[in-house]
């Protein structure tokens, strides 16, 4: 299935609701990240400003690996989740390439689904520093259950 066919059949209102729900989550607040779903086919996650608890990579002021992994988990998961609204899904695997330290006060991850199946969704993402330099790449797999999401909001 073409990734854009299912995901972006969601209305602008539905995407806005999903974006709002994710951005209001306490975990997002701690991570310091905000998601943006305004570009069809792309999940954008931004950490701005980078906080002291995000730093410490390699014993420097670079962003630490846990923060990078967390933002990738968020973006890869949401890129897949948009294809599964109303069903249970979760990140099953992340493969991260740390290419160079993330220096500065802002980072941005862009993720997109590249292959959508019934039980697995494959996504890819890049992390750029405030200068726009690619510092990390990630490929991930989202596992989708056969049942619905159960009680609660579908977003």
C-alpha atoms as a PDB file:
ATOM      1  CA  UNK A   1       0.000   0.000   0.000  1.00  0.00           C
ATOM      2  CA  UNK A   2       1.211   3.487  -0.775  1.00  0.00           C
ATOM      3  CA  UNK A   3       1.824   5.139   2.632  1.00  0.00           C
ATOM      4  CA  UNK A   4       0.034   8.345   1.663  1.00  0.00           C
ATOM      5  CA  UNK A   5      -3.180   6.569   0.640  1.00  0.00           C
ATOM      6  CA  UNK A   6      -4.309   5.546   4.115  1.00  0.00           C
ATOM      7  CA  UNK A   7      -2.646   8.061   6.421  1.00  0.00           C
ATOM      8  CA  UNK A   8      -3.577  11.270   4.787  1.00  0.00           C
ATOM      9  CA  UNK A   9      -7.179  10.203   4.245  1.00  0.00           C
ATOM     10  CA  UNK A  10      -7.520  11.530   7.770  1.00  0.00           C
ATOM     11  CA  UNK A  11      -9.177  14.914   7.679  1.00  0.00           C
ATOM     12  CA  UNK A  12      -7.371  18.083   8.697  1.00  0.00           C
ATOM     13  CA  UNK A  13      -9.599  18.146  11.780  1.00  0.00           C
ATOM     14  CA  UNK A  14      -8.612  14.588  12.740  1.00  0.00           C
ATOM     15  CA  UNK A  15      -4.923  15.366  12.219  1.00  0.00           C
ATOM     16  CA  UNK A  16      -5.276  18.524  14.323  1.00  0.00           C
ATOM     17  CA  UNK A  17      -6.928  16.477  17.105  1.00  0.00           C
ATOM     18  CA  UNK A  18      -4.141  13.881  17.013  1.00  0.00           C
ATOM     19  CA  UNK A  19      -1.482  16.601  17.025  1.00  0.00           C
ATOM     20  CA  UNK A  20      -3.144  18.373  19.971  1.00  0.00           C
ATOM     21  CA  UNK A  21      -3.513  15.146  21.957  1.00  0.00           C
ATOM     22  CA  UNK A  22       0.132  14.179  21.436  1.00  0.00           C
ATOM     23  CA  UNK A  23       1.419  17.675  22.227  1.00  0.00           C
ATOM     24  CA  UNK A  24      -0.540  17.778  25.506  1.00  0.00           C
ATOM     25  CA  UNK A  25       0.866  14.465  26.772  1.00  0.00           C
ATOM     26  CA  UNK A  26       3.077  14.868  29.917  1.00  0.00           C
ATOM     27  CA  UNK A  27       5.799  12.724  28.351  1.00  0.00           C
ATOM     28  CA  UNK A  28       6.009  15.119  25.424  1.00  0.00           C
ATOM     29  CA  UNK A  29       6.340  18.023  27.833  1.00  0.00           C
ATOM     30  CA  UNK A  30       9.238  16.329  29.639  1.00  0.00           C
ATOM     31  CA  UNK A  31      10.894  15.458  26.336  1.00  0.00           C
ATOM     32  CA  UNK A  32      10.424  19.082  25.329  1.00  0.00           C
ATOM     33  CA  UNK A  33       9.087  18.012  21.949  1.00  0.00           C
ATOM     34  CA  UNK A  34       6.216  19.271  19.835  1.00  0.00           C
ATOM     35  CA  UNK A  35       4.811  17.443  16.830  1.00  0.00           C
ATOM     36  CA  UNK A  36       3.584  19.027  13.630  1.00  0.00           C
ATOM     37  CA  UNK A  37       1.375  17.095  11.193  1.00  0.00           C
ATOM     38  CA  UNK A  38       0.758  19.921   8.737  1.00  0.00           C
ATOM     39  CA  UNK A  39       2.859  18.453   5.903  1.00  0.00           C
ATOM     40  CA  UNK A  40       1.130  15.483   4.222  1.00  0.00           C
ATOM     41  CA  UNK A  41       3.084  12.278   4.665  1.00  0.00           C
ATOM     42  CA  UNK A  42       5.507  13.759   7.216  1.00  0.00           C
ATOM     43  CA  UNK A  43       5.656  13.763  10.994  1.00  0.00           C
ATOM     44  CA  UNK A  44       7.816  16.595  12.280  1.00  0.00           C
ATOM     45  CA  UNK A  45       9.007  16.591  15.898  1.00  0.00           C
ATOM     46  CA  UNK A  46      10.914  19.591  17.215  1.00  0.00           C
ATOM     47  CA  UNK A  47      12.785  20.070  20.495  1.00  0.00           C
ATOM     48  CA  UNK A  48      13.248  23.811  20.966  1.00  0.00           C
ATOM     49  CA  UNK A  49      14.944  24.780  23.138  1.00  0.00           C
ATOM     50  CA  UNK A  50      17.169  21.868  24.067  1.00  0.00           C
ATOM     51  CA  UNK A  51      17.224  21.723  27.892  1.00  0.00           C
ATOM     52  CA  UNK A  52      20.067  20.783  30.285  1.00  0.00           C
ATOM     53  CA  UNK A  53      18.556  17.303  30.869  1.00  0.00           C
ATOM     54  CA  UNK A  54      18.810  16.655  27.089  1.00  0.00           C
ATOM     55  CA  UNK A  55      22.561  17.230  27.133  1.00  0.00           C
ATOM     56  CA  UNK A  56      25.587  15.237  28.192  1.00  0.00           C
ATOM     57  CA  UNK A  57      26.365  13.174  25.111  1.00  0.00           C
ATOM     58  CA  UNK A  58      30.019  12.127  24.999  1.00  0.00           C
ATOM     59  CA  UNK A  59      30.627  14.109  28.193  1.00  0.00           C
ATOM     60  CA  UNK A  60      29.938  17.375  26.326  1.00  0.00           C
ATOM     61  CA  UNK A  61      27.014  19.734  25.788  1.00  0.00           C
ATOM     62  CA  UNK A  62      25.875  17.564  22.861  1.00  0.00           C
ATOM     63  CA  UNK A  63      22.387  16.056  23.033  1.00  0.00           C
ATOM     64  CA  UNK A  64      22.496  12.670  24.772  1.00  0.00           C
ATOM     65  CA  UNK A  65      21.569   9.423  23.051  1.00  0.00           C
ATOM     66  CA  UNK A  66      18.532   8.819  25.251  1.00  0.00           C
ATOM     67  CA  UNK A  67      16.962  12.066  24.079  1.00  0.00           C
ATOM     68  CA  UNK A  68      17.720  11.274  20.443  1.00  0.00           C
ATOM     69  CA  UNK A  69      16.267   7.768  20.813  1.00  0.00           C
ATOM     70  CA  UNK A  70      13.181   9.181  22.531  1.00  0.00           C
ATOM     71  CA  UNK A  71      12.462  11.670  19.761  1.00  0.00           C
ATOM     72  CA  UNK A  72      12.984   8.975  17.121  1.00  0.00           C
ATOM     73  CA  UNK A  73      10.629   6.629  19.014  1.00  0.00           C
ATOM     74  CA  UNK A  74       8.032   9.397  19.060  1.00  0.00           C
ATOM     75  CA  UNK A  75       8.340  10.301  15.367  1.00  0.00           C
ATOM     76  CA  UNK A  76       8.652   6.744  14.015  1.00  0.00           C
ATOM     77  CA  UNK A  77       5.726   5.640  16.192  1.00  0.00           C
ATOM     78  CA  UNK A  78       3.480   8.500  15.146  1.00  0.00           C
ATOM     79  CA  UNK A  79       4.361   8.098  11.456  1.00  0.00           C
ATOM     80  CA  UNK A  80       3.125   4.521  11.714  1.00  0.00           C
ATOM     81  CA  UNK A  81       0.244   5.233  14.080  1.00  0.00           C
ATOM     82  CA  UNK A  82      -1.389   7.546  11.558  1.00  0.00           C
ATOM     83  CA  UNK A  83      -1.998   4.442   9.421  1.00  0.00           C
ATOM     84  CA  UNK A  84      -3.587   2.530  12.306  1.00  0.00           C
ATOM     85  CA  UNK A  85      -5.901   4.988  14.077  1.00  0.00           C
ATOM     86  CA  UNK A  86      -8.360   2.958  16.136  1.00  0.00           C
ATOM     87  CA  UNK A  87      -6.062  -0.098  16.399  1.00  0.00           C
ATOM     88  CA  UNK A  88      -3.351  -0.921  18.909  1.00  0.00           C
ATOM     89  CA  UNK A  89       0.150  -0.346  17.606  1.00  0.00           C
ATOM     90  CA  UNK A  90       3.591   0.205  19.058  1.00  0.00           C
ATOM     91  CA  UNK A  91       7.211   0.599  18.057  1.00  0.00           C
ATOM     92  CA  UNK A  92       8.766  -2.860  17.888  1.00  0.00           C
ATOM     93  CA  UNK A  93      12.220  -1.947  16.634  1.00  0.00           C
ATOM     94  CA  UNK A  94      14.456   1.091  16.139  1.00  0.00           C
ATOM     95  CA  UNK A  95      17.780   1.115  14.302  1.00  0.00           C
ATOM     96  CA  UNK A  96      19.607   4.375  14.978  1.00  0.00           C
ATOM     97  CA  UNK A  97      22.732   5.673  13.274  1.00  0.00           C
ATOM     98  CA  UNK A  98      24.462   8.388  15.299  1.00  0.00           C
ATOM     99  CA  UNK A  99      26.407  10.276  12.621  1.00  0.00           C
ATOM    100  CA  UNK A 100      27.634  13.372  14.499  1.00  0.00           C
ATOM    101  CA  UNK A 101      26.962  15.153  17.785  1.00  0.00           C
ATOM    102  CA  UNK A 102      23.870  17.347  17.998  1.00  0.00           C
ATOM    103  CA  UNK A 103      25.127  20.762  19.085  1.00  0.00           C
ATOM    104  CA  UNK A 104      23.035  23.887  19.552  1.00  0.00           C
ATOM    105  CA  UNK A 105      19.672  24.717  21.039  1.00  0.00           C
ATOM    106  CA  UNK A 106      17.216  23.081  18.619  1.00  0.00           C
ATOM    107  CA  UNK A 107      16.743  19.786  16.826  1.00  0.00           C
ATOM    108  CA  UNK A 108      14.147  18.552  14.382  1.00  0.00           C
ATOM    109  CA  UNK A 109      13.176  15.046  13.335  1.00  0.00           C
ATOM    110  CA  UNK A 110      11.173  14.300  10.208  1.00  0.00           C
ATOM    111  CA  UNK A 111       9.685  10.841   9.823  1.00  0.00           C
ATOM    112  CA  UNK A 112       7.510   9.092   7.267  1.00  0.00           C
ATOM    113  CA  UNK A 113       6.125   5.651   6.690  1.00  0.00           C
ATOM    114  CA  UNK A 114       7.761   3.928   3.729  1.00  0.00           C
ATOM    115  CA  UNK A 115       5.890   0.617   3.711  1.00  0.00           C
ATOM    116  CA  UNK A 116       2.500  -0.122   5.248  1.00  0.00           C
ATOM    117  CA  UNK A 117       1.297  -3.671   5.784  1.00  0.00           C
ATOM    118  CA  UNK A 118      -1.523  -5.155   7.852  1.00  0.00           C
ATOM    119  CA  UNK A 119       0.638  -6.000  10.881  1.00  0.00           C
ATOM    120  CA  UNK A 120       3.892  -4.096  10.291  1.00  0.00           C
ATOM    121  CA  UNK A 121       4.667  -0.549   9.239  1.00  0.00           C
ATOM    122  CA  UNK A 122       8.192   0.471   8.271  1.00  0.00           C
ATOM    123  CA  UNK A 123       9.178   4.097   8.842  1.00  0.00           C
ATOM    124  CA  UNK A 124      12.300   6.170   8.404  1.00  0.00           C
ATOM    125  CA  UNK A 125      13.473   9.412  10.006  1.00  0.00           C
ATOM    126  CA  UNK A 126      16.293  11.947  10.029  1.00  0.00           C
ATOM    127  CA  UNK A 127      17.371  14.238  12.844  1.00  0.00           C
ATOM    128  CA  UNK A 128      18.795  17.636  11.908  1.00  0.00           C
ATOM    129  CA  UNK A 129      20.486  20.162  14.164  1.00  0.00           C
ATOM    130  CA  UNK A 130      19.643  23.874  14.168  1.00  0.00           C
ATOM    131  CA  UNK A 131      21.956  24.374  11.184  1.00  0.00           C
ATOM    132  CA  UNK A 132      20.010  21.774   9.170  1.00  0.00           C
ATOM    133  CA  UNK A 133      22.837  19.221   9.268  1.00  0.00           C
ATOM    134  CA  UNK A 134      21.755  15.559   9.448  1.00  0.00           C
ATOM    135  CA  UNK A 135      23.149  14.224  12.736  1.00  0.00           C
ATOM    136  CA  UNK A 136      21.265  10.909  13.051  1.00  0.00           C
ATOM    137  CA  UNK A 137      19.113   8.571  11.002  1.00  0.00           C
ATOM    138  CA  UNK A 138      16.638   5.968  12.146  1.00  0.00           C
ATOM    139  CA  UNK A 139      14.664   3.125  10.624  1.00  0.00           C
ATOM    140  CA  UNK A 140      11.859   1.647  12.662  1.00  0.00           C
ATOM    141  CA  UNK A 141       9.134  -0.953  12.638  1.00  0.00           C
ATOM    142  CA  UNK A 142       5.705  -0.454  14.157  1.00  0.00           C
ATOM    143  CA  UNK A 143       3.774  -3.618  15.081  1.00  0.00           C
ATOM    144  CA  UNK A 144      -0.002  -3.443  14.623  1.00  0.00           C
ATOM    145  CA  UNK A 145      -2.422  -5.709  16.459  1.00  0.00           C
ATOM    146  CA  UNK A 146      -5.406  -7.268  14.754  1.00  0.00           C
ATOM    147  CA  UNK A 147      -7.913  -5.922  17.268  1.00  0.00           C
ATOM    148  CA  UNK A 148      -9.203  -2.456  17.896  1.00  0.00           C
ATOM    149  CA  UNK A 149      -7.757  -0.043  20.423  1.00  0.00           C
ATOM    150  CA  UNK A 150     -10.413  -0.777  23.020  1.00  0.00           C
ATOM    151  CA  UNK A 151     -12.115   1.843  25.159  1.00  0.00           C
ATOM    152  CA  UNK A 152     -11.068   5.452  25.057  1.00  0.00           C
ATOM    153  CA  UNK A 153     -10.381   7.965  22.311  1.00  0.00           C
ATOM    154  CA  UNK A 154      -9.361   6.611  18.939  1.00  0.00           C
ATOM    155  CA  UNK A 155      -6.687   9.243  18.574  1.00  0.00           C
END
